[in-house]
């Protein structure tokens, strides 16, 4: 295998931060919008697959299948070179190296975050207006969104935030590992993509 050393990984992350900070606004917005669409697509596929899989295969298999089909959205983001906010959270490495400015980093993060949201909202609207959303699927999606109907059943806020933070750290670790590969083919192959 042809992998980079830790200093080479850091240089790769700095180069990516420089590239992301210098993207033109229109390109950054379009790539962020596409990433939002792709992630929403993965989320929709996960809901479609898991809505009744637990009744037939069990909860564990249902969650496994949901994770597999959700990763389609992440694959599309990587393959298309789209701008996903969680991947751009490694930009402070370029800031710490003195290669990008605060304004360039904050511009990228805010534009990409808003574009990701707009893309996901667009895909949700597209699915809703197209009529392909079955009643069972819609009910299942709403049950996920309303998992805690009243405040008494809601867990403490720190317990809700912790898994989200861990998910962001896991995504950042995967992005770091892709940077670790000496070429894109090895990085994608190593992650099963």
Protein backbone atom coordinates (compact mmCIF):
# COMPACT_ATOMS: atom_id res chain seq x y z
CA UNK A 1 0.00 0.00 0.00
CA UNK A 2 1.11 3.50 -0.77
CA UNK A 3 0.25 5.64 2.26
CA UNK A 4 1.40 9.06 3.35
CA UNK A 5 3.36 9.76 6.52
CA UNK A 6 1.75 11.97 9.21
CA UNK A 7 3.57 15.12 8.01
CA UNK A 8 2.40 14.40 4.46
CA UNK A 9 -1.16 13.96 5.76
CA UNK A 10 -0.97 17.38 7.43
CA UNK A 11 0.38 18.94 4.21
CA UNK A 12 -2.47 17.32 2.27
CA UNK A 13 -5.05 18.69 4.72
CA UNK A 14 -3.49 22.17 4.49
CA UNK A 15 -3.56 21.99 0.68
CA UNK A 16 -7.23 20.96 0.81
CA UNK A 17 -7.99 23.88 3.16
CA UNK A 18 -6.25 26.32 0.80
CA UNK A 19 -8.23 24.93 -2.12
CA UNK A 20 -11.54 25.10 -0.25
CA UNK A 21 -10.93 28.64 1.04
CA UNK A 22 -10.15 29.91 -2.46
CA UNK A 23 -13.19 28.41 -4.21
CA UNK A 24 -15.29 30.95 -6.12
CA UNK A 25 -18.61 31.67 -4.41
CA UNK A 26 -20.78 30.20 -7.18
CA UNK A 27 -18.79 26.96 -7.35
CA UNK A 28 -18.76 26.65 -3.54
CA UNK A 29 -22.52 27.18 -3.41
CA UNK A 30 -23.27 24.67 -6.17
CA UNK A 31 -20.98 22.00 -4.72
CA UNK A 32 -22.49 22.58 -1.27
CA UNK A 33 -26.01 22.36 -2.69
CA UNK A 34 -25.17 19.06 -4.41
CA UNK A 35 -23.71 17.66 -1.19
CA UNK A 36 -26.95 18.51 0.62
CA UNK A 37 -28.96 16.76 -2.08
CA UNK A 38 -26.71 13.69 -1.93
CA UNK A 39 -26.89 13.38 1.86
CA UNK A 40 -30.67 13.88 1.79
CA UNK A 41 -30.85 11.18 -0.87
CA UNK A 42 -28.93 8.81 1.40
CA UNK A 43 -31.24 9.70 4.30
CA UNK A 44 -34.33 9.11 2.17
CA UNK A 45 -33.04 5.74 0.99
CA UNK A 46 -32.30 4.81 4.60
CA UNK A 47 -35.87 5.64 5.62
CA UNK A 48 -37.32 3.69 2.69
CA UNK A 49 -35.22 0.61 3.44
CA UNK A 50 -35.66 0.60 7.22
CA UNK A 51 -39.35 1.50 7.42
CA UNK A 52 -40.44 -2.15 7.51
CA UNK A 53 -37.16 -4.11 7.49
CA UNK A 54 -37.22 -4.59 11.27
CA UNK A 55 -40.49 -6.52 11.05
CA UNK A 56 -38.97 -8.97 8.56
CA UNK A 57 -35.27 -9.18 9.43
CA UNK A 58 -34.94 -7.77 12.95
CA UNK A 59 -33.82 -4.43 14.29
CA UNK A 60 -30.09 -5.12 13.92
CA UNK A 61 -30.31 -6.08 10.25
CA UNK A 62 -32.62 -3.12 9.66
CA UNK A 63 -30.05 -0.71 11.12
CA UNK A 64 -27.24 -2.38 9.16
CA UNK A 65 -29.16 -2.03 5.90
CA UNK A 66 -29.98 1.59 6.74
CA UNK A 67 -26.32 2.36 7.32
CA UNK A 68 -25.31 0.69 4.08
CA UNK A 69 -27.79 2.60 1.94
CA UNK A 70 -27.11 5.90 3.76
CA UNK A 71 -23.46 5.59 2.81
CA UNK A 72 -24.55 5.99 -0.81
CA UNK A 73 -24.99 9.70 -0.06
CA UNK A 74 -21.46 9.91 1.37
CA UNK A 75 -20.08 8.04 -1.63
CA UNK A 76 -21.77 10.48 -4.00
CA UNK A 77 -20.28 13.43 -2.08
CA UNK A 78 -16.76 11.98 -2.31
CA UNK A 79 -17.07 10.80 -5.92
CA UNK A 80 -18.52 14.11 -7.16
CA UNK A 81 -16.13 16.26 -5.12
CA UNK A 82 -19.06 18.05 -3.47
CA UNK A 83 -18.57 20.36 -0.47
CA UNK A 84 -19.96 18.80 2.71
CA UNK A 85 -19.81 20.89 5.90
CA UNK A 86 -18.53 18.04 8.07
CA UNK A 87 -15.60 17.45 5.72
CA UNK A 88 -14.79 21.15 5.70
CA UNK A 89 -14.49 21.16 9.49
CA UNK A 90 -10.83 20.16 8.97
CA UNK A 91 -10.12 23.63 7.56
CA UNK A 92 -8.72 24.94 10.88
CA UNK A 93 -5.59 22.90 10.10
CA UNK A 94 -4.91 25.34 7.26
CA UNK A 95 -5.71 28.24 9.58
CA UNK A 96 -3.28 26.95 12.23
CA UNK A 97 -0.61 26.54 9.55
CA UNK A 98 -1.12 30.20 8.60
CA UNK A 99 -2.09 29.35 5.01
CA UNK A 100 -5.72 30.56 5.08
CA UNK A 101 -7.43 33.47 6.78
CA UNK A 102 -10.24 33.46 9.32
CA UNK A 103 -12.48 35.19 6.80
CA UNK A 104 -11.76 32.59 4.10
CA UNK A 105 -12.48 29.73 6.48
CA UNK A 106 -15.65 31.28 7.92
CA UNK A 107 -16.87 32.22 4.43
CA UNK A 108 -16.47 28.62 3.27
CA UNK A 109 -18.04 27.07 6.36
CA UNK A 110 -21.05 29.41 6.38
CA UNK A 111 -21.72 29.19 2.62
CA UNK A 112 -21.31 25.41 2.55
CA UNK A 113 -23.51 24.95 5.64
CA UNK A 114 -26.30 27.06 4.13
CA UNK A 115 -25.93 25.36 0.73
CA UNK A 116 -26.03 21.89 2.33
CA UNK A 117 -29.24 22.85 4.12
CA UNK A 118 -30.76 24.28 0.92
CA UNK A 119 -29.84 21.16 -1.06
CA UNK A 120 -31.34 18.83 1.55
CA UNK A 121 -34.48 20.96 1.72
CA UNK A 122 -34.74 20.93 -2.08
CA UNK A 123 -34.52 17.12 -2.18
CA UNK A 124 -37.12 16.79 0.59
CA UNK A 125 -39.45 19.12 -1.32
CA UNK A 126 -38.83 17.18 -4.53
CA UNK A 127 -39.74 13.89 -2.85
CA UNK A 128 -42.80 15.43 -1.22
CA UNK A 129 -44.12 17.07 -4.40
CA UNK A 130 -43.39 14.06 -6.64
CA UNK A 131 -45.82 11.83 -4.74
CA UNK A 132 -43.35 8.93 -4.39
CA UNK A 133 -43.42 9.15 -0.61
CA UNK A 134 -45.72 6.40 0.63
CA UNK A 135 -47.86 6.90 3.71
CA UNK A 136 -45.91 4.23 5.60
CA UNK A 137 -42.61 5.89 4.75
CA UNK A 138 -43.92 9.34 5.70
CA UNK A 139 -45.28 8.03 9.01
CA UNK A 140 -41.95 6.33 9.74
CA UNK A 141 -40.01 9.54 8.95
CA UNK A 142 -42.31 11.52 11.24
CA UNK A 143 -41.90 8.94 14.01
CA UNK A 144 -38.12 9.41 13.77
CA UNK A 145 -38.50 13.21 13.90
CA UNK A 146 -40.92 13.02 16.85
CA UNK A 147 -39.03 10.39 18.83
CA UNK A 148 -39.49 12.46 21.99
CA UNK A 149 -43.03 13.85 21.84
CA UNK A 150 -42.99 15.56 25.22
CA UNK A 151 -40.23 17.10 27.29
CA UNK A 152 -40.58 14.56 30.09
CA UNK A 153 -39.40 11.72 27.83
CA UNK A 154 -36.51 13.73 26.38
CA UNK A 155 -33.03 12.75 27.65
CA UNK A 156 -30.76 15.40 29.16
CA UNK A 157 -29.30 17.73 26.54
CA UNK A 158 -25.72 16.60 27.11
CA UNK A 159 -26.72 13.01 26.24
CA UNK A 160 -28.30 14.15 22.98
CA UNK A 161 -25.30 16.25 21.94
CA UNK A 162 -22.63 13.65 22.74
CA UNK A 163 -23.51 11.14 19.97
CA UNK A 164 -23.69 13.99 17.44
CA UNK A 165 -20.22 15.16 18.43
CA UNK A 166 -18.93 11.62 18.16
CA UNK A 167 -20.51 11.27 14.71
CA UNK A 168 -18.73 14.45 13.55
CA UNK A 169 -15.45 13.13 14.95
CA UNK A 170 -15.94 9.81 13.15
CA UNK A 171 -16.64 11.61 9.85
CA UNK A 172 -13.57 13.80 10.35
CA UNK A 173 -11.50 10.67 11.03
CA UNK A 174 -12.67 9.14 7.75
CA UNK A 175 -11.77 12.31 5.87
CA UNK A 176 -8.33 12.25 7.53
CA UNK A 177 -7.88 8.63 6.48
CA UNK A 178 -8.77 9.50 2.90
CA UNK A 179 -6.11 12.25 3.06
CA UNK A 180 -3.73 9.57 4.32
CA UNK A 181 -3.93 7.61 1.08
CA UNK A 182 -1.28 8.61 -1.42
CA UNK A 183 -3.82 8.60 -4.22
CA UNK A 184 -7.60 8.85 -4.40
CA UNK A 185 -8.04 5.29 -5.68
CA UNK A 186 -6.33 3.76 -2.64
CA UNK A 187 -8.25 6.05 -0.28
CA UNK A 188 -11.63 5.15 -1.73
CA UNK A 189 -10.78 1.45 -1.95
CA UNK A 190 -9.57 1.38 1.66
CA UNK A 191 -12.95 2.75 2.80
CA UNK A 192 -14.90 0.27 0.71
CA UNK A 193 -15.92 2.90 -1.83
